[in-house]
C-alpha atoms as a PDB file:
ATOM      1  CA  UNK A   1       0.025  -0.089   0.109  1.00  0.00           C
ATOM      2  CA  UNK A   2       1.349   3.459  -1.032  1.00  0.00           C
ATOM      3  CA  UNK A   3       1.652   6.058   1.337  1.00  0.00           C
ATOM      4  CA  UNK A   4       1.127   9.592   0.436  1.00  0.00           C
ATOM      5  CA  UNK A   5       4.591  12.079   1.324  1.00  0.00           C
ATOM      6  CA  UNK A   6       3.570  15.202   3.358  1.00  0.00           C
ATOM      7  CA  UNK A   7       3.098  18.535   1.819  1.00  0.00           C
ATOM      8  CA  UNK A   8       6.079  19.778   1.393  1.00  0.00           C
ATOM      9  CA  UNK A   9       6.818  23.511   3.541  1.00  0.00           C
ATOM     10  CA  UNK A  10       5.278  26.376   1.379  1.00  0.00           C
ATOM     11  CA  UNK A  11       7.787  28.924   1.947  1.00  0.00           C
ATOM     12  CA  UNK A  12       7.817  32.722   0.917  1.00  0.00           C
ATOM     13  CA  UNK A  13      11.104  35.139   0.408  1.00  0.00           C
ATOM     14  CA  UNK A  14      10.878  38.532   1.683  1.00  0.00           C
ATOM     15  CA  UNK A  15      14.201  40.742   1.031  1.00  0.00           C
ATOM     16  CA  UNK A  16      15.077  43.875  -1.032  1.00  0.00           C
ATOM     17  CA  UNK A  17      18.550  42.211  -2.353  1.00  0.00           C
ATOM     18  CA  UNK A  18      17.867  39.872  -4.980  1.00  0.00           C
ATOM     19  CA  UNK A  19      21.275  38.304  -4.445  1.00  0.00           C
ATOM     20  CA  UNK A  20      19.948  37.260  -0.856  1.00  0.00           C
ATOM     21  CA  UNK A  21      16.476  35.841  -2.428  1.00  0.00           C
ATOM     22  CA  UNK A  22      18.473  34.123  -4.732  1.00  0.00           C
ATOM     23  CA  UNK A  23      20.814  32.494  -2.924  1.00  0.00           C
ATOM     24  CA  UNK A  24      17.939  31.347  -0.321  1.00  0.00           C
ATOM     25  CA  UNK A  25      16.153  29.644  -3.022  1.00  0.00           C
ATOM     26  CA  UNK A  26      19.156  27.885  -4.359  1.00  0.00           C
ATOM     27  CA  UNK A  27      20.159  26.616  -0.600  1.00  0.00           C
ATOM     28  CA  UNK A  28      16.376  25.706  -0.108  1.00  0.00           C
ATOM     29  CA  UNK A  29      15.908  23.736  -3.297  1.00  0.00           C
ATOM     30  CA  UNK A  30      17.957  21.019  -2.299  1.00  0.00           C
ATOM     31  CA  UNK A  31      15.384  19.990   0.275  1.00  0.00           C
ATOM     32  CA  UNK A  32      12.769  18.136  -1.072  1.00  0.00           C
ATOM     33  CA  UNK A  33      10.384  18.938   1.925  1.00  0.00           C
ATOM     34  CA  UNK A  34      10.397  22.795   1.193  1.00  0.00           C
ATOM     35  CA  UNK A  35       8.834  24.547  -1.818  1.00  0.00           C
ATOM     36  CA  UNK A  36       9.392  28.256  -2.762  1.00  0.00           C
ATOM     37  CA  UNK A  37       6.177  29.313  -3.882  1.00  0.00           C
ATOM     38  CA  UNK A  38       6.708  33.395  -3.667  1.00  0.00           C
ATOM     39  CA  UNK A  39       9.088  36.065  -3.207  1.00  0.00           C
ATOM     40  CA  UNK A  40       8.998  40.087  -3.024  1.00  0.00           C
ATOM     41  CA  UNK A  41      11.410  42.870  -2.277  1.00  0.00           C
ATOM     42  CA  UNK A  42       9.082  45.336  -0.458  1.00  0.00           C
ATOM     43  CA  UNK A  43       7.424  45.083   2.946  1.00  0.00           C
ATOM     44  CA  UNK A  44       4.080  46.782   0.960  1.00  0.00           C
ATOM     45  CA  UNK A  45       3.991  43.973  -1.386  1.00  0.00           C
ATOM     46  CA  UNK A  46       4.190  41.367   1.430  1.00  0.00           C
ATOM     47  CA  UNK A  47       0.212  40.978   1.914  1.00  0.00           C
ATOM     48  CA  UNK A  48      -0.707  40.941  -1.791  1.00  0.00           C
ATOM     49  CA  UNK A  49       1.735  38.492  -2.580  1.00  0.00           C
ATOM     50  CA  UNK A  50       0.906  36.368   0.401  1.00  0.00           C
ATOM     51  CA  UNK A  51      -2.755  36.195  -0.295  1.00  0.00           C
ATOM     52  CA  UNK A  52      -1.376  34.801  -3.823  1.00  0.00           C
ATOM     53  CA  UNK A  53       0.799  32.229  -2.611  1.00  0.00           C
ATOM     54  CA  UNK A  54      -0.579  31.499   0.602  1.00  0.00           C
ATOM     55  CA  UNK A  55       2.902  30.373   2.379  1.00  0.00           C
ATOM     56  CA  UNK A  56       3.395  28.074   5.756  1.00  0.00           C
ATOM     57  CA  UNK A  57       6.527  30.199   6.270  1.00  0.00           C
ATOM     58  CA  UNK A  58       7.903  33.310   5.548  1.00  0.00           C
ATOM     59  CA  UNK A  59      11.194  34.180   5.958  1.00  0.00           C
ATOM     60  CA  UNK A  60      11.272  38.104   6.206  1.00  0.00           C
ATOM     61  CA  UNK A  61      14.043  40.828   6.113  1.00  0.00           C
ATOM     62  CA  UNK A  62      13.670  43.820   8.348  1.00  0.00           C
ATOM     63  CA  UNK A  63      15.508  46.585   6.843  1.00  0.00           C
ATOM     64  CA  UNK A  64      13.659  47.059   3.720  1.00  0.00           C
ATOM     65  CA  UNK A  65      12.583  50.317   1.908  1.00  0.00           C
ATOM     66  CA  UNK A  66       8.854  52.188   2.365  1.00  0.00           C
ATOM     67  CA  UNK A  67       7.568  49.253   5.099  1.00  0.00           C
ATOM     68  CA  UNK A  68       9.935  47.259   7.125  1.00  0.00           C
ATOM     69  CA  UNK A  69       9.898  43.708   8.108  1.00  0.00           C
ATOM     70  CA  UNK A  70       8.238  44.096  11.514  1.00  0.00           C
ATOM     71  CA  UNK A  71       5.333  46.313  10.295  1.00  0.00           C
ATOM     72  CA  UNK A  72       4.841  43.864   7.401  1.00  0.00           C
ATOM     73  CA  UNK A  73       4.859  41.249   9.881  1.00  0.00           C
ATOM     74  CA  UNK A  74       1.995  42.546  11.976  1.00  0.00           C
ATOM     75  CA  UNK A  75      -0.103  43.169   8.929  1.00  0.00           C
ATOM     76  CA  UNK A  76       0.505  38.904   7.785  1.00  0.00           C
ATOM     77  CA  UNK A  77      -0.371  38.311  11.420  1.00  0.00           C
ATOM     78  CA  UNK A  78      -3.637  40.143  11.393  1.00  0.00           C
ATOM     79  CA  UNK A  79      -4.774  38.695   7.763  1.00  0.00           C
ATOM     80  CA  UNK A  80      -2.891  35.262   8.386  1.00  0.00           C
ATOM     81  CA  UNK A  81      -2.573  34.342  11.754  1.00  0.00           C
ATOM     82  CA  UNK A  82      -1.470  30.529  10.791  1.00  0.00           C
ATOM     83  CA  UNK A  83       1.551  31.533   8.425  1.00  0.00           C
ATOM     84  CA  UNK A  84       4.610  31.517  10.209  1.00  0.00           C
ATOM     85  CA  UNK A  85       7.239  34.464  10.171  1.00  0.00           C
ATOM     86  CA  UNK A  86      10.997  33.704  10.664  1.00  0.00           C
ATOM     87  CA  UNK A  87      13.148  37.071  10.643  1.00  0.00           C
ATOM     88  CA  UNK A  88      15.693  36.619   8.336  1.00  0.00           C
ATOM     89  CA  UNK A  89      18.097  39.764   9.008  1.00  0.00           C
ATOM     90  CA  UNK A  90      21.573  40.952   9.435  1.00  0.00           C
ATOM     91  CA  UNK A  91      20.653  42.808  12.890  1.00  0.00           C
ATOM     92  CA  UNK A  92      21.755  41.338  16.115  1.00  0.00           C
ATOM     93  CA  UNK A  93      20.349  43.463  18.390  1.00  0.00           C
ATOM     94  CA  UNK A  94      18.181  42.475  21.384  1.00  0.00           C
ATOM     95  CA  UNK A  95      15.703  45.573  20.518  1.00  0.00           C
ATOM     96  CA  UNK A  96      15.108  43.793  17.313  1.00  0.00           C
ATOM     97  CA  UNK A  97      14.384  40.612  18.431  1.00  0.00           C
ATOM     98  CA  UNK A  98      12.095  41.815  20.701  1.00  0.00           C
ATOM     99  CA  UNK A  99      10.401  44.116  18.624  1.00  0.00           C
ATOM    100  CA  UNK A 100      10.024  41.185  16.042  1.00  0.00           C
ATOM    101  CA  UNK A 101       8.466  38.845  18.705  1.00  0.00           C
ATOM    102  CA  UNK A 102       6.361  41.546  19.827  1.00  0.00           C
ATOM    103  CA  UNK A 103       5.302  41.737  15.995  1.00  0.00           C
ATOM    104  CA  UNK A 104       4.449  38.477  16.091  1.00  0.00           C
ATOM    105  CA  UNK A 105       7.469  36.354  14.460  1.00  0.00           C
ATOM    106  CA  UNK A 106       8.257  32.948  15.499  1.00  0.00           C
ATOM    107  CA  UNK A 107      11.653  33.001  14.907  1.00  0.00           C
ATOM    108  CA  UNK A 108      14.939  35.082  14.685  1.00  0.00           C
ATOM    109  CA  UNK A 109      17.981  34.001  12.752  1.00  0.00           C
ATOM    110  CA  UNK A 110      21.045  36.153  11.009  1.00  0.00           C
ATOM    111  CA  UNK A 111      22.136  36.074   7.509  1.00  0.00           C
ATOM    112  CA  UNK A 112      24.955  34.510   8.223  1.00  0.00           C
ATOM    113  CA  UNK A 113      23.225  31.471   9.301  1.00  0.00           C
ATOM    114  CA  UNK A 114      24.432  28.135   7.315  1.00  0.00           C
ATOM    115  CA  UNK A 115      21.795  26.651   4.925  1.00  0.00           C
ATOM    116  CA  UNK A 116      21.280  23.487   6.998  1.00  0.00           C
ATOM    117  CA  UNK A 117      20.235  25.728  10.236  1.00  0.00           C
ATOM    118  CA  UNK A 118      17.946  27.638   7.990  1.00  0.00           C
ATOM    119  CA  UNK A 119      16.389  24.605   6.977  1.00  0.00           C
ATOM    120  CA  UNK A 120      16.026  23.694  10.812  1.00  0.00           C
ATOM    121  CA  UNK A 121      14.773  26.780  11.731  1.00  0.00           C
ATOM    122  CA  UNK A 122      11.751  26.577   8.981  1.00  0.00           C
ATOM    123  CA  UNK A 123      10.974  23.311   9.875  1.00  0.00           C
ATOM    124  CA  UNK A 124      10.442  24.381  13.682  1.00  0.00           C
ATOM    125  CA  UNK A 125       8.514  27.285  12.826  1.00  0.00           C
ATOM    126  CA  UNK A 126       6.274  25.441  10.372  1.00  0.00           C
ATOM    127  CA  UNK A 127       5.483  22.803  13.210  1.00  0.00           C
ATOM    128  CA  UNK A 128       4.139  26.200  15.847  1.00  0.00           C
ATOM    129  CA  UNK A 129       7.249  26.476  17.591  1.00  0.00           C
ATOM    130  CA  UNK A 130       9.755  29.336  18.375  1.00  0.00           C
ATOM    131  CA  UNK A 131      13.320  29.316  16.735  1.00  0.00           C
ATOM    132  CA  UNK A 132      16.287  31.586  17.476  1.00  0.00           C
ATOM    133  CA  UNK A 133      19.665  31.222  16.493  1.00  0.00           C
ATOM    134  CA  UNK A 134      21.988  30.359  19.150  1.00  0.00           C
ATOM    135  CA  UNK A 135      23.488  33.934  19.911  1.00  0.00           C
ATOM    136  CA  UNK A 136      20.064  35.208  20.109  1.00  0.00           C
ATOM    137  CA  UNK A 137      18.999  32.968  22.368  1.00  0.00           C
ATOM    138  CA  UNK A 138      21.638  33.921  24.552  1.00  0.00           C
ATOM    139  CA  UNK A 139      20.632  37.143  24.083  1.00  0.00           C
ATOM    140  CA  UNK A 140      17.158  36.970  24.930  1.00  0.00           C
ATOM    141  CA  UNK A 141      17.920  35.050  28.216  1.00  0.00           C
ATOM    142  CA  UNK A 142      20.465  38.007  29.118  1.00  0.00           C
ATOM    143  CA  UNK A 143      17.843  40.566  28.786  1.00  0.00           C
ATOM    144  CA  UNK A 144      14.317  38.801  28.862  1.00  0.00           C
ATOM    145  CA  UNK A 145      10.925  40.975  28.127  1.00  0.00           C
ATOM    146  CA  UNK A 146       8.738  42.237  30.918  1.00  0.00           C
ATOM    147  CA  UNK A 147       5.265  41.743  29.018  1.00  0.00           C
ATOM    148  CA  UNK A 148       4.050  44.272  31.495  1.00  0.00           C
ATOM    149  CA  UNK A 149       6.374  47.228  30.383  1.00  0.00           C
ATOM    150  CA  UNK A 150       5.930  46.377  26.499  1.00  0.00           C
ATOM    151  CA  UNK A 151       5.640  49.435  24.062  1.00  0.00           C
ATOM    152  CA  UNK A 152       2.940  49.523  21.505  1.00  0.00           C
ATOM    153  CA  UNK A 153       4.056  48.098  18.055  1.00  0.00           C
ATOM    154  CA  UNK A 154       4.089  50.205  15.279  1.00  0.00           C
ATOM    155  CA  UNK A 155       0.633  48.578  14.152  1.00  0.00           C
ATOM    156  CA  UNK A 156      -0.816  49.435  17.346  1.00  0.00           C
ATOM    157  CA  UNK A 157       0.086  53.070  17.378  1.00  0.00           C
ATOM    158  CA  UNK A 158      -1.476  53.581  14.045  1.00  0.00           C
ATOM    159  CA  UNK A 159      -4.612  51.627  15.483  1.00  0.00           C
ATOM    160  CA  UNK A 160      -4.386  54.128  18.556  1.00  0.00           C
ATOM    161  CA  UNK A 161      -4.199  56.959  16.198  1.00  0.00           C
ATOM    162  CA  UNK A 162      -7.341  56.153  14.679  1.00  0.00           C
ATOM    163  CA  UNK A 163      -9.132  55.090  17.929  1.00  0.00           C
ATOM    164  CA  UNK A 164      -7.743  58.704  19.590  1.00  0.00           C
ATOM    165  CA  UNK A 165      -9.383  60.811  16.459  1.00  0.00           C
ATOM    166  CA  UNK A 166     -12.754  59.365  17.279  1.00  0.00           C
ATOM    167  CA  UNK A 167     -13.247  56.459  14.686  1.00  0.00           C
ATOM    168  CA  UNK A 168     -15.226  53.518  15.656  1.00  0.00           C
ATOM    169  CA  UNK A 169     -13.754  50.072  15.265  1.00  0.00           C
ATOM    170  CA  UNK A 170     -16.060  49.638  11.991  1.00  0.00           C
ATOM    171  CA  UNK A 171     -14.509  52.818  10.331  1.00  0.00           C
ATOM    172  CA  UNK A 172     -11.050  51.717  11.654  1.00  0.00           C
ATOM    173  CA  UNK A 173     -11.243  48.200  10.043  1.00  0.00           C
ATOM    174  CA  UNK A 174     -12.569  49.471   6.626  1.00  0.00           C
ATOM    175  CA  UNK A 175      -9.678  52.144   6.854  1.00  0.00           C
ATOM    176  CA  UNK A 176      -7.068  49.395   7.431  1.00  0.00           C
ATOM    177  CA  UNK A 177      -8.725  47.031   5.134  1.00  0.00           C
ATOM    178  CA  UNK A 178      -8.990  44.744   8.123  1.00  0.00           C
ATOM    179  CA  UNK A 179     -11.902  42.901  10.317  1.00  0.00           C
ATOM    180  CA  UNK A 180     -13.739  44.680  13.157  1.00  0.00           C
ATOM    181  CA  UNK A 181     -13.123  41.559  15.210  1.00  0.00           C
ATOM    182  CA  UNK A 182      -9.416  42.255  14.656  1.00  0.00           C
ATOM    183  CA  UNK A 183      -9.442  45.915  15.458  1.00  0.00           C
ATOM    184  CA  UNK A 184     -10.994  44.961  18.829  1.00  0.00           C
ATOM    185  CA  UNK A 185      -8.385  42.789  19.530  1.00  0.00           C
ATOM    186  CA  UNK A 186      -5.635  45.775  19.341  1.00  0.00           C
ATOM    187  CA  UNK A 187      -8.136  47.681  21.497  1.00  0.00           C
ATOM    188  CA  UNK A 188      -7.691  45.119  24.097  1.00  0.00           C
ATOM    189  CA  UNK A 189      -4.001  44.657  23.901  1.00  0.00           C
ATOM    190  CA  UNK A 190      -3.380  48.512  23.757  1.00  0.00           C
ATOM    191  CA  UNK A 191      -5.412  48.922  27.228  1.00  0.00           C
ATOM    192  CA  UNK A 192      -3.590  46.135  28.569  1.00  0.00           C
ATOM    193  CA  UNK A 193      -0.030  47.163  27.574  1.00  0.00           C
ATOM    194  CA  UNK A 194      -0.631  50.934  28.833  1.00  0.00           C
ATOM    195  CA  UNK A 195      -2.991  50.115  31.634  1.00  0.00           C
ATOM    196  CA  UNK A 196      -5.305  52.526  30.336  1.00  0.00           C
ATOM    197  CA  UNK A 197      -9.324  51.657  30.270  1.00  0.00           C
ATOM    198  CA  UNK A 198     -11.086  54.806  29.354  1.00  0.00           C
ATOM    199  CA  UNK A 199     -10.972  56.917  25.752  1.00  0.00           C
ATOM    200  CA  UNK A 200     -10.093  59.905  27.603  1.00  0.00           C
ATOM    201  CA  UNK A 201      -6.854  58.406  28.807  1.00  0.00           C
ATOM    202  CA  UNK A 202      -6.080  56.673  25.499  1.00  0.00           C
ATOM    203  CA  UNK A 203      -6.640  60.249  23.518  1.00  0.00           C
ATOM    204  CA  UNK A 204      -4.202  61.724  26.170  1.00  0.00           C
ATOM    205  CA  UNK A 205      -1.668  59.466  25.803  1.00  0.00           C
ATOM    206  CA  UNK A 206      -1.775  59.630  22.069  1.00  0.00           C
ATOM    207  CA  UNK A 207      -1.445  62.988  21.994  1.00  0.00           C
ATOM    208  CA  UNK A 208       1.480  62.966  24.241  1.00  0.00           C
ATOM    209  CA  UNK A 209       2.989  60.543  21.837  1.00  0.00           C
ATOM    210  CA  UNK A 210       2.440  62.545  19.042  1.00  0.00           C
ATOM    211  CA  UNK A 211       0.368  60.211  17.681  1.00  0.00           C
ATOM    212  CA  UNK A 212      -2.232  62.632  16.949  1.00  0.00           C
ATOM    213  CA  UNK A 213      -2.664  66.573  16.912  1.00  0.00           C
ATOM    214  CA  UNK A 214      -3.732  68.247  19.764  1.00  0.00           C
ATOM    215  CA  UNK A 215      -5.295  71.287  17.782  1.00  0.00           C
END
């Protein structure tokens, strides 16, 4: 009796350097259980490309023109919560790593990582687990994140700026092309992080942070 082989993990590559994308494609092509289904070079193209190719895992650069990888990660996780994001970056900084995790990334590896470890990282996050390169893991252990002191992500700041101008969740959802449920989830997260539970205080915070005009 023949048994069907499991479907390959569908991978999408996001990097503004063609040589990096080509190099990753070449390295990953040696693995039968990996399939490159899409690629783009700009954070603003990520959502549309993901809608077309429906990847299981996205290898995401951080520094890109127009929209960086952290902002793109937040947007992808809103629309495709089951898609895993693996940050593939040159930035070896605890600030970048923590911001990536906060944005919804499942893992973080550096661009000098060898191809075998990249493959293992993809396999790990595809299974719903987290993966951090050894240097990154040591950095996180040395400087753990305090959830009660998290700053708002770029996406949450955007949502808050709309809330502070008096827009309803429905109006915000229409403007950002996301669901009302997603907006409400952001509202809850914002209130929890800031420990603020009323609109007047949220507006004051948004003005103090320069997210909206006080005039």
